[in-house]
C-alpha atoms as a PDB file:
ATOM      1  CA  MET A   1      98.451 -18.961 -58.722  1.00  0.00           C
ATOM      2  CA  ALA A   2      99.397 -16.018 -60.895  1.00  0.00           C
ATOM      3  CA  LYS A   3      96.538 -13.954 -62.354  1.00  0.00           C
ATOM      4  CA  ARG A   4      96.295 -14.031 -66.125  1.00  0.00           C
ATOM      5  CA  ARG A   5      97.206 -10.675 -67.684  1.00  0.00           C
ATOM      6  CA  SER A   6      95.338  -9.237 -70.624  1.00  0.00           C
ATOM      7  CA  LEU A   7      97.148  -8.427 -73.878  1.00  0.00           C
ATOM      8  CA  LYS A   8      97.145  -4.872 -74.869  1.00  0.00           C
ATOM      9  CA  ILE A   9      94.370  -4.449 -77.448  1.00  0.00           C
ATOM     10  CA  ILE A  10      94.343  -2.007 -80.368  1.00  0.00           C
ATOM     11  CA  ILE A  11      91.165  -1.586 -82.152  1.00  0.00           C
ATOM     12  CA  LEU A  12      92.279  -0.550 -85.718  1.00  0.00           C
ATOM     13  CA  PRO A  13      90.319   2.120 -87.549  1.00  0.00           C
ATOM     14  CA  THR A  14      88.590  -0.473 -89.748  1.00  0.00           C
ATOM     15  CA  ALA A  15      87.122  -2.201 -86.683  1.00  0.00           C
ATOM     16  CA  GLN A  16      86.176   1.124 -85.116  1.00  0.00           C
ATOM     17  CA  GLN A  17      84.299   1.962 -88.225  1.00  0.00           C
ATOM     18  CA  ASP A  18      82.592  -1.449 -88.284  1.00  0.00           C
ATOM     19  CA  LEU A  19      81.416  -0.927 -84.692  1.00  0.00           C
ATOM     20  CA  ARG A  20      80.127   2.631 -85.482  1.00  0.00           C
ATOM     21  CA  GLU A  21      78.155   1.179 -88.427  1.00  0.00           C
ATOM     22  CA  ILE A  22      76.744  -1.676 -86.222  1.00  0.00           C
ATOM     23  CA  VAL A  23      75.586   0.800 -83.548  1.00  0.00           C
ATOM     24  CA  SER A  24      74.079   3.196 -86.105  1.00  0.00           C
ATOM     25  CA  PHE A  25      72.156   0.466 -87.895  1.00  0.00           C
ATOM     26  CA  ILE A  26      70.723  -0.932 -84.639  1.00  0.00           C
ATOM     27  CA  ALA A  27      70.006   2.474 -83.184  1.00  0.00           C
ATOM     28  CA  LYS A  28      67.480   3.193 -85.964  1.00  0.00           C
ATOM     29  CA  ASP A  29      65.208   0.768 -84.293  1.00  0.00           C
ATOM     30  CA  SER A  30      66.409   0.842 -80.718  1.00  0.00           C
ATOM     31  CA  PRO A  31      69.051   3.259 -79.366  1.00  0.00           C
ATOM     32  CA  ALA A  32      69.133   1.318 -76.062  1.00  0.00           C
ATOM     33  CA  TYR A  33      69.667  -2.031 -77.732  1.00  0.00           C
ATOM     34  CA  ALA A  34      72.471  -0.424 -79.935  1.00  0.00           C
ATOM     35  CA  LYS A  35      74.238   0.783 -76.796  1.00  0.00           C
ATOM     36  CA  ARG A  36      73.949  -2.683 -75.147  1.00  0.00           C
ATOM     37  CA  GLU A  37      75.145  -4.429 -78.250  1.00  0.00           C
ATOM     38  CA  LYS A  38      78.201  -2.147 -78.355  1.00  0.00           C
ATOM     39  CA  LEU A  39      79.019  -2.878 -74.728  1.00  0.00           C
ATOM     40  CA  LEU A  40      78.638  -6.566 -75.263  1.00  0.00           C
ATOM     41  CA  ILE A  41      80.942  -6.483 -78.275  1.00  0.00           C
ATOM     42  CA  ILE A  42      83.601  -4.496 -76.282  1.00  0.00           C
ATOM     43  CA  GLU A  43      83.216  -7.023 -73.515  1.00  0.00           C
ATOM     44  CA  ILE A  44      83.928  -9.897 -75.811  1.00  0.00           C
ATOM     45  CA  ILE A  45      86.966  -8.095 -77.121  1.00  0.00           C
ATOM     46  CA  ASP A  46      88.188  -7.551 -73.621  1.00  0.00           C
ATOM     47  CA  LYS A  47      87.825 -11.287 -72.877  1.00  0.00           C
ATOM     48  CA  LEU A  48      89.777 -12.143 -76.048  1.00  0.00           C
ATOM     49  CA  GLY A  49      92.617 -10.087 -74.609  1.00  0.00           C
ATOM     50  CA  TYR A  50      92.760 -12.535 -71.695  1.00  0.00           C
ATOM     51  CA  PHE A  51      92.080 -15.726 -73.778  1.00  0.00           C
ATOM     52  CA  PRO A  52      93.232 -14.996 -77.356  1.00  0.00           C
ATOM     53  CA  GLU A  53      93.385 -18.635 -78.103  1.00  0.00           C
ATOM     54  CA  LEU A  54      89.578 -18.834 -77.975  1.00  0.00           C
ATOM     55  CA  GLY A  55      89.451 -17.675 -81.594  1.00  0.00           C
ATOM     56  CA  THR A  56      90.082 -20.153 -84.465  1.00  0.00           C
ATOM     57  CA  ILE A  57      92.675 -19.660 -87.204  1.00  0.00           C
ATOM     58  CA  PHE A  58      91.402 -17.381 -89.957  1.00  0.00           C
ATOM     59  CA  ASN A  59      93.285 -17.358 -93.251  1.00  0.00           C
ATOM     60  CA  TYR A  60      91.949 -15.208 -95.937  1.00  0.00           C
ATOM     61  CA  LYS A  61      94.143 -14.153 -98.818  1.00  0.00           C
ATOM     62  CA  ASN A  62      97.368 -13.250 -96.894  1.00  0.00           C
ATOM     63  CA  VAL A  63      95.672 -12.062 -93.721  1.00  0.00           C
ATOM     64  CA  ASN A  64      96.859 -14.425 -90.972  1.00  0.00           C
ATOM     65  CA  ALA A  65      94.524 -13.817 -88.058  1.00  0.00           C
ATOM     66  CA  ARG A  66      92.064 -15.423 -85.679  1.00  0.00           C
ATOM     67  CA  LYS A  67      88.242 -15.153 -85.668  1.00  0.00           C
ATOM     68  CA  PHE A  68      85.808 -15.382 -82.810  1.00  0.00           C
ATOM     69  CA  PRO A  69      82.033 -15.655 -83.494  1.00  0.00           C
ATOM     70  CA  PHE A  70      79.618 -13.421 -81.541  1.00  0.00           C
ATOM     71  CA  ARG A  71      75.991 -13.447 -82.517  1.00  0.00           C
ATOM     72  CA  SER A  72      75.867 -12.333 -86.214  1.00  0.00           C
ATOM     73  CA  TYR A  73      79.532 -11.132 -86.268  1.00  0.00           C
ATOM     74  CA  LEU A  74      83.012 -12.458 -86.532  1.00  0.00           C
ATOM     75  CA  ILE A  75      85.607 -10.503 -84.464  1.00  0.00           C
ATOM     76  CA  ILE A  76      88.672 -10.841 -86.554  1.00  0.00           C
ATOM     77  CA  TYR A  77      91.955 -10.201 -84.804  1.00  0.00           C
ATOM     78  CA  ARG A  78      95.688 -10.626 -85.083  1.00  0.00           C
ATOM     79  CA  LEU A  79      98.148 -11.487 -82.346  1.00  0.00           C
ATOM     80  CA  ILE A  80     101.241  -9.257 -82.849  1.00  0.00           C
ATOM     81  CA  ASP A  81     103.283 -10.822 -80.075  1.00  0.00           C
ATOM     82  CA  ASP A  82     102.752 -12.178 -76.521  1.00  0.00           C
ATOM     83  CA  SER A  83     101.572  -8.771 -75.294  1.00  0.00           C
ATOM     84  CA  LEU A  84      99.744  -7.213 -78.231  1.00  0.00           C
ATOM     85  CA  MET A  85      96.626  -7.960 -80.218  1.00  0.00           C
ATOM     86  CA  GLU A  86      95.031  -5.953 -83.029  1.00  0.00           C
ATOM     87  CA  ILE A  87      91.283  -6.074 -83.680  1.00  0.00           C
ATOM     88  CA  LEU A  88      91.083  -5.927 -87.558  1.00  0.00           C
ATOM     89  CA  SER A  89      87.292  -6.134 -88.089  1.00  0.00           C
ATOM     90  CA  ILE A  90      83.901  -6.822 -86.597  1.00  0.00           C
ATOM     91  CA  HIS A  91      82.504  -8.487 -89.522  1.00  0.00           C
ATOM     92  CA  HIS A  92      78.810  -9.111 -90.069  1.00  0.00           C
ATOM     93  CA  HIS A  93      77.974 -12.532 -91.458  1.00  0.00           C
ATOM     94  CA  ALA A  94      75.925 -11.033 -94.300  1.00  0.00           C
ATOM     95  CA  ARG A  95      78.879  -9.047 -95.654  1.00  0.00           C
ATOM     96  CA  SER A  96      81.236 -10.495 -98.123  1.00  0.00           C
ATOM     97  CA  PHE A  97      84.875 -10.924 -96.978  1.00  0.00           C
ATOM     98  CA  SER A  98      85.906  -9.305-100.343  1.00  0.00           C
ATOM     99  CA  ASN A  99      84.026  -6.130 -99.362  1.00  0.00           C
ATOM    100  CA  ASN A 100      85.811  -5.763 -96.054  1.00  0.00           C
ATOM    101  CA  PRO A 101      88.663  -3.174 -96.145  1.00  0.00           C
ATOM    102  CA  ALA A 102      90.333  -4.739 -93.123  1.00  0.00           C
ATOM    103  CA  LEU A 103      90.884  -7.915 -95.189  1.00  0.00           C
ATOM    104  CA  ASP A 104      91.923  -6.209 -98.391  1.00  0.00           C
ATOM    105  CA  THR A 105      95.472  -7.136 -99.430  1.00  0.00           C
ATOM    106  CA  ASP A 106      97.436  -6.510-102.629  1.00  0.00           C
ATOM    107  CA  ASP A 107      97.933 -10.259-103.047  1.00  0.00           C
ATOM    108  CA  GLU A 108      95.142 -12.314-104.446  1.00  0.00           C
END
């Protein structure tokens, strides 16, 4: 049986910023837990590269993407083609979608 190959994953600057903010916020109380949380989020993203269909369809404004829940976050990603995936955002549930720059489109 052929081994499943991972899609190439590009973590867009908006998602990189989300991850930095998550780690910074958690590190105020526990640097060790912040590091562990970051590693777990990256691990989930890696798994999505192997199983991109795990996420459900996410349509917000004109952003056609998929979302995968992890703890208090939604990992929002877009499949570009059969070999490439973009991570748009690591969105905290308490944050409004309208305040997420990764989901900002010119079309309302």
